[in-house]
């Protein structure tokens, strides 16, 4: 599934940034089997999603300018996080409704 591939890539990129082990854009791209422009696009998209990514010219590495972590769960059911694995076990996406508070929640008949 393509989306899982992208999630895995984001987790690996997040891991490398947290450890300040990215190198410059070209070496960061090579470590992720991407071309330089594709890597720049991923970084820009992550920034648009709220990742506080900065580049340290002295250390030649990307880093986070604020503490935090990636969200590891995609759904919440009754304020309980549901993992990616658990979400694949749901019988039907019709069981979930959009919520402004949570990304998705169980639909109520109310």
C-alpha atoms as a PDB file:
ATOM      1  CA  UNK A   1       0.000   0.000   0.000  1.00  0.00           C
ATOM      2  CA  UNK A   2       1.509   3.330  -1.093  1.00  0.00           C
ATOM      3  CA  UNK A   3       0.388   5.307   1.953  1.00  0.00           C
ATOM      4  CA  UNK A   4       2.207   2.927   4.321  1.00  0.00           C
ATOM      5  CA  UNK A   5       5.385   3.413   2.287  1.00  0.00           C
ATOM      6  CA  UNK A   6       5.083   7.179   2.739  1.00  0.00           C
ATOM      7  CA  UNK A   7       4.393   6.844   6.468  1.00  0.00           C
ATOM      8  CA  UNK A   8       7.461   4.619   6.875  1.00  0.00           C
ATOM      9  CA  UNK A   9       9.555   7.130   4.951  1.00  0.00           C
ATOM     10  CA  UNK A  10       8.297   9.990   7.146  1.00  0.00           C
ATOM     11  CA  UNK A  11       9.124   7.999  10.276  1.00  0.00           C
ATOM     12  CA  UNK A  12      12.653   7.347   8.986  1.00  0.00           C
ATOM     13  CA  UNK A  13      13.102  11.020   8.069  1.00  0.00           C
ATOM     14  CA  UNK A  14      11.816  11.991  11.526  1.00  0.00           C
ATOM     15  CA  UNK A  15      14.271   9.534  13.117  1.00  0.00           C
ATOM     16  CA  UNK A  16      17.201  10.999  11.193  1.00  0.00           C
ATOM     17  CA  UNK A  17      16.253  14.599  11.953  1.00  0.00           C
ATOM     18  CA  UNK A  18      15.908  13.853  15.684  1.00  0.00           C
ATOM     19  CA  UNK A  19      19.411  12.393  15.690  1.00  0.00           C
ATOM     20  CA  UNK A  20      20.758  15.273  13.580  1.00  0.00           C
ATOM     21  CA  UNK A  21      22.136  12.681  11.182  1.00  0.00           C
ATOM     22  CA  UNK A  22      20.827  14.027   7.884  1.00  0.00           C
ATOM     23  CA  UNK A  23      23.775  15.803   6.329  1.00  0.00           C
ATOM     24  CA  UNK A  24      23.050  18.333   3.606  1.00  0.00           C
ATOM     25  CA  UNK A  25      20.077  18.078   1.249  1.00  0.00           C
ATOM     26  CA  UNK A  26      21.933  15.942  -1.290  1.00  0.00           C
ATOM     27  CA  UNK A  27      23.165  13.356   1.227  1.00  0.00           C
ATOM     28  CA  UNK A  28      19.782  13.368   3.017  1.00  0.00           C
ATOM     29  CA  UNK A  29      18.112  12.614  -0.317  1.00  0.00           C
ATOM     30  CA  UNK A  30      20.540   9.750  -1.021  1.00  0.00           C
ATOM     31  CA  UNK A  31      19.871   8.243   2.411  1.00  0.00           C
ATOM     32  CA  UNK A  32      16.171   8.186   1.495  1.00  0.00           C
ATOM     33  CA  UNK A  33      16.620   6.989  -2.106  1.00  0.00           C
ATOM     34  CA  UNK A  34      15.171  10.249  -3.412  1.00  0.00           C
ATOM     35  CA  UNK A  35      16.419  12.903  -5.787  1.00  0.00           C
ATOM     36  CA  UNK A  36      17.354  16.259  -4.309  1.00  0.00           C
ATOM     37  CA  UNK A  37      14.191  18.028  -5.504  1.00  0.00           C
ATOM     38  CA  UNK A  38      11.923  15.249  -4.175  1.00  0.00           C
ATOM     39  CA  UNK A  39      13.655  15.437  -0.776  1.00  0.00           C
ATOM     40  CA  UNK A  40      13.217  19.220  -0.732  1.00  0.00           C
ATOM     41  CA  UNK A  41       9.528  18.679  -1.498  1.00  0.00           C
ATOM     42  CA  UNK A  42       9.119  16.218   1.380  1.00  0.00           C
ATOM     43  CA  UNK A  43      10.808  18.638   3.785  1.00  0.00           C
ATOM     44  CA  UNK A  44       8.568  21.475   2.588  1.00  0.00           C
ATOM     45  CA  UNK A  45       5.438  19.333   3.014  1.00  0.00           C
ATOM     46  CA  UNK A  46       6.544  18.352   6.513  1.00  0.00           C
ATOM     47  CA  UNK A  47       7.006  22.039   7.353  1.00  0.00           C
ATOM     48  CA  UNK A  48       3.498  22.754   6.054  1.00  0.00           C
ATOM     49  CA  UNK A  49       2.207  20.001   8.370  1.00  0.00           C
ATOM     50  CA  UNK A  50       3.805  21.768  11.340  1.00  0.00           C
ATOM     51  CA  UNK A  51       7.169  20.027  11.649  1.00  0.00           C
ATOM     52  CA  UNK A  52       9.593  22.723  12.943  1.00  0.00           C
ATOM     53  CA  UNK A  53      12.423  21.716  10.595  1.00  0.00           C
ATOM     54  CA  UNK A  54      15.475  23.968  10.352  1.00  0.00           C
ATOM     55  CA  UNK A  55      18.921  23.557   8.795  1.00  0.00           C
ATOM     56  CA  UNK A  56      22.100  24.103  10.829  1.00  0.00           C
ATOM     57  CA  UNK A  57      24.763  25.384   8.420  1.00  0.00           C
ATOM     58  CA  UNK A  58      27.573  24.895  10.957  1.00  0.00           C
ATOM     59  CA  UNK A  59      26.766  21.231  11.639  1.00  0.00           C
ATOM     60  CA  UNK A  60      25.405  20.672   8.119  1.00  0.00           C
ATOM     61  CA  UNK A  61      22.286  18.857   9.301  1.00  0.00           C
ATOM     62  CA  UNK A  62      18.541  19.317   9.609  1.00  0.00           C
ATOM     63  CA  UNK A  63      17.066  19.516  13.102  1.00  0.00           C
ATOM     64  CA  UNK A  64      13.823  20.317  14.914  1.00  0.00           C
ATOM     65  CA  UNK A  65      13.711  23.807  16.434  1.00  0.00           C
ATOM     66  CA  UNK A  66      11.149  22.651  19.031  1.00  0.00           C
ATOM     67  CA  UNK A  67      10.606  19.480  21.038  1.00  0.00           C
ATOM     68  CA  UNK A  68       7.816  17.195  19.912  1.00  0.00           C
ATOM     69  CA  UNK A  69       7.083  13.966  18.136  1.00  0.00           C
ATOM     70  CA  UNK A  70       5.210  12.607  15.157  1.00  0.00           C
ATOM     71  CA  UNK A  71       1.681  11.376  15.706  1.00  0.00           C
ATOM     72  CA  UNK A  72       1.799   7.586  15.665  1.00  0.00           C
ATOM     73  CA  UNK A  73      -1.924   6.892  15.513  1.00  0.00           C
ATOM     74  CA  UNK A  74      -4.294   7.791  12.715  1.00  0.00           C
ATOM     75  CA  UNK A  75      -7.637   7.345  14.472  1.00  0.00           C
ATOM     76  CA  UNK A  76      -9.148   7.833  17.904  1.00  0.00           C
ATOM     77  CA  UNK A  77     -12.176   5.932  19.172  1.00  0.00           C
ATOM     78  CA  UNK A  78     -13.849   7.422  22.249  1.00  0.00           C
ATOM     79  CA  UNK A  79     -10.673   9.356  23.091  1.00  0.00           C
ATOM     80  CA  UNK A  80      -8.603   6.193  22.768  1.00  0.00           C
ATOM     81  CA  UNK A  81      -5.925   6.186  20.116  1.00  0.00           C
ATOM     82  CA  UNK A  82      -6.254   3.480  17.512  1.00  0.00           C
ATOM     83  CA  UNK A  83      -3.069   2.265  15.888  1.00  0.00           C
ATOM     84  CA  UNK A  84      -2.643   1.810  12.155  1.00  0.00           C
ATOM     85  CA  UNK A  85      -2.814  -1.955  12.660  1.00  0.00           C
ATOM     86  CA  UNK A  86      -6.061  -1.698  14.649  1.00  0.00           C
ATOM     87  CA  UNK A  87      -7.605   0.616  12.056  1.00  0.00           C
ATOM     88  CA  UNK A  88      -7.072  -1.994   9.334  1.00  0.00           C
ATOM     89  CA  UNK A  89      -9.205  -4.434  11.355  1.00  0.00           C
ATOM     90  CA  UNK A  90     -12.300  -2.220  11.202  1.00  0.00           C
ATOM     91  CA  UNK A  91     -15.025  -3.799   9.143  1.00  0.00           C
ATOM     92  CA  UNK A  92     -16.050  -0.702   7.223  1.00  0.00           C
ATOM     93  CA  UNK A  93     -14.908   2.905   6.852  1.00  0.00           C
ATOM     94  CA  UNK A  94     -18.610   3.767   7.202  1.00  0.00           C
ATOM     95  CA  UNK A  95     -18.095   3.209  10.934  1.00  0.00           C
ATOM     96  CA  UNK A  96     -16.027   6.406  11.059  1.00  0.00           C
ATOM     97  CA  UNK A  97     -17.160  10.017  10.769  1.00  0.00           C
ATOM     98  CA  UNK A  98     -15.131  13.200  10.373  1.00  0.00           C
ATOM     99  CA  UNK A  99     -14.729  15.260  13.521  1.00  0.00           C
ATOM    100  CA  UNK A 100     -13.154  18.695  13.974  1.00  0.00           C
ATOM    101  CA  UNK A 101     -11.800  17.607  17.356  1.00  0.00           C
ATOM    102  CA  UNK A 102     -10.418  14.265  16.167  1.00  0.00           C
ATOM    103  CA  UNK A 103      -9.477  13.300  12.654  1.00  0.00           C
ATOM    104  CA  UNK A 104     -12.075  10.533  12.691  1.00  0.00           C
ATOM    105  CA  UNK A 105     -14.393   9.126  15.331  1.00  0.00           C
ATOM    106  CA  UNK A 106     -16.961   6.370  15.545  1.00  0.00           C
ATOM    107  CA  UNK A 107     -20.287   7.483  14.117  1.00  0.00           C
ATOM    108  CA  UNK A 108     -23.190   7.746  16.545  1.00  0.00           C
ATOM    109  CA  UNK A 109     -26.807   7.387  15.510  1.00  0.00           C
ATOM    110  CA  UNK A 110     -27.544  10.690  17.283  1.00  0.00           C
END
